[in-house]
Amino acid sequence: MNKLGSKTPPAGMREAVGLAWQLGYAIALPIVGFVLVGKLADQVFDTAPWFLFLGLIVSLPVSFLILYRKLKKFL
C-alpha cells in the first residue's frame, strides 16, 4: 500500500516500468527481426550462416540508435 491507502503503484513507478518495457522492446525487436530476415536470406541463397551474422551485426547499431533516441532526454 502507498501513502494514500491504495494498492496501485505510484505514478513514477509505472513510468519507470513502462520505460523498461520500451527499452526491452527497443533491444529485442531489431535483433530478432534482422536475424530472422538473415536466416530467411540464408535459406533462399544457400549461404548459411553469413546473412544471419550480417543481420545480427546490423541489428546491434540499430538497437543502440533506438536506445539512444529514447534515452536522449535523460542524458
Protein backbone atom coordinates (compact mmCIF):
# COMPACT_ATOMS: atom_id res chain seq x y z
CA MET A 1 0.00 0.00 0.00
CA ASN A 2 1.18 3.50 -0.69
CA LYS A 3 0.62 6.58 1.49
CA LEU A 4 -2.94 7.12 0.33
CA GLY A 5 -4.05 3.59 1.20
CA SER A 6 -4.36 2.49 -2.42
CA LYS A 7 -2.81 -0.69 -3.72
CA THR A 8 -1.86 0.89 -7.06
CA PRO A 9 1.82 1.69 -7.55
CA PRO A 10 2.88 5.35 -7.60
CA ALA A 11 2.92 7.14 -10.97
CA GLY A 12 6.73 7.31 -11.02
CA MET A 13 6.97 3.56 -10.65
CA ARG A 14 4.53 2.97 -13.52
CA GLU A 15 6.53 5.33 -15.74
CA ALA A 16 9.78 3.54 -14.86
CA VAL A 17 8.29 0.13 -15.63
CA GLY A 18 6.87 1.46 -18.89
CA LEU A 19 10.27 2.83 -19.90
CA ALA A 20 11.90 -0.50 -19.03
CA TRP A 21 9.42 -2.34 -21.30
CA GLN A 22 10.07 0.14 -24.12
CA LEU A 23 13.83 -0.29 -23.79
CA GLY A 24 13.48 -4.06 -23.76
CA TYR A 25 11.46 -4.00 -26.95
CA ALA A 26 13.90 -1.50 -28.49
CA ILE A 27 16.69 -4.02 -27.96
CA ALA A 28 14.87 -7.25 -28.75
CA LEU A 29 12.76 -6.41 -31.81
CA PRO A 30 15.54 -5.22 -34.15
CA ILE A 31 17.75 -8.15 -33.17
CA VAL A 32 15.01 -10.73 -33.70
CA GLY A 33 13.81 -9.06 -36.90
CA PHE A 34 17.21 -8.74 -38.57
CA VAL A 35 18.28 -12.24 -37.52
CA LEU A 36 15.07 -13.75 -38.92
CA VAL A 37 15.50 -11.85 -42.20
CA GLY A 38 19.12 -13.03 -42.32
CA LYS A 39 18.05 -16.62 -41.69
CA LEU A 40 15.47 -16.38 -44.46
CA ALA A 41 18.05 -14.89 -46.85
CA ASP A 42 20.43 -17.73 -45.99
CA GLN A 43 17.75 -20.27 -46.89
CA VAL A 44 16.93 -18.53 -50.17
CA PHE A 45 20.54 -18.02 -51.29
CA ASP A 46 22.01 -21.12 -49.57
CA THR A 47 24.69 -19.06 -47.83
CA ALA A 48 24.23 -20.14 -44.21
CA PRO A 49 25.24 -18.59 -41.80
CA TRP A 50 26.51 -15.41 -43.48
CA PHE A 51 23.28 -13.42 -43.76
CA LEU A 52 22.31 -14.45 -40.23
CA PHE A 53 25.58 -12.99 -38.93
CA LEU A 54 25.11 -9.91 -41.09
CA GLY A 55 21.61 -9.45 -39.67
CA LEU A 56 22.99 -9.70 -36.15
CA ILE A 57 25.79 -7.23 -36.87
CA VAL A 58 23.37 -4.73 -38.45
CA SER A 59 20.83 -5.10 -35.65
CA LEU A 60 23.22 -4.05 -32.88
CA PRO A 61 23.82 -0.46 -34.06
CA VAL A 62 20.13 -0.15 -34.94
CA SER A 63 19.19 -1.17 -31.38
CA PHE A 64 21.78 1.23 -29.99
CA LEU A 65 20.40 4.08 -32.09
CA ILE A 66 16.84 3.39 -30.92
CA LEU A 67 18.00 3.25 -27.29
CA TYR A 68 19.92 6.50 -27.69
CA ARG A 69 16.89 8.28 -29.11
CA LYS A 70 14.66 7.01 -26.30
CA LEU A 71 17.16 7.89 -23.57
CA LYS A 72 18.39 11.20 -25.05
CA LYS A 73 16.03 13.22 -22.85
CA PHE A 74 17.50 11.58 -19.73
CA LEU A 75 21.16 12.13 -20.65
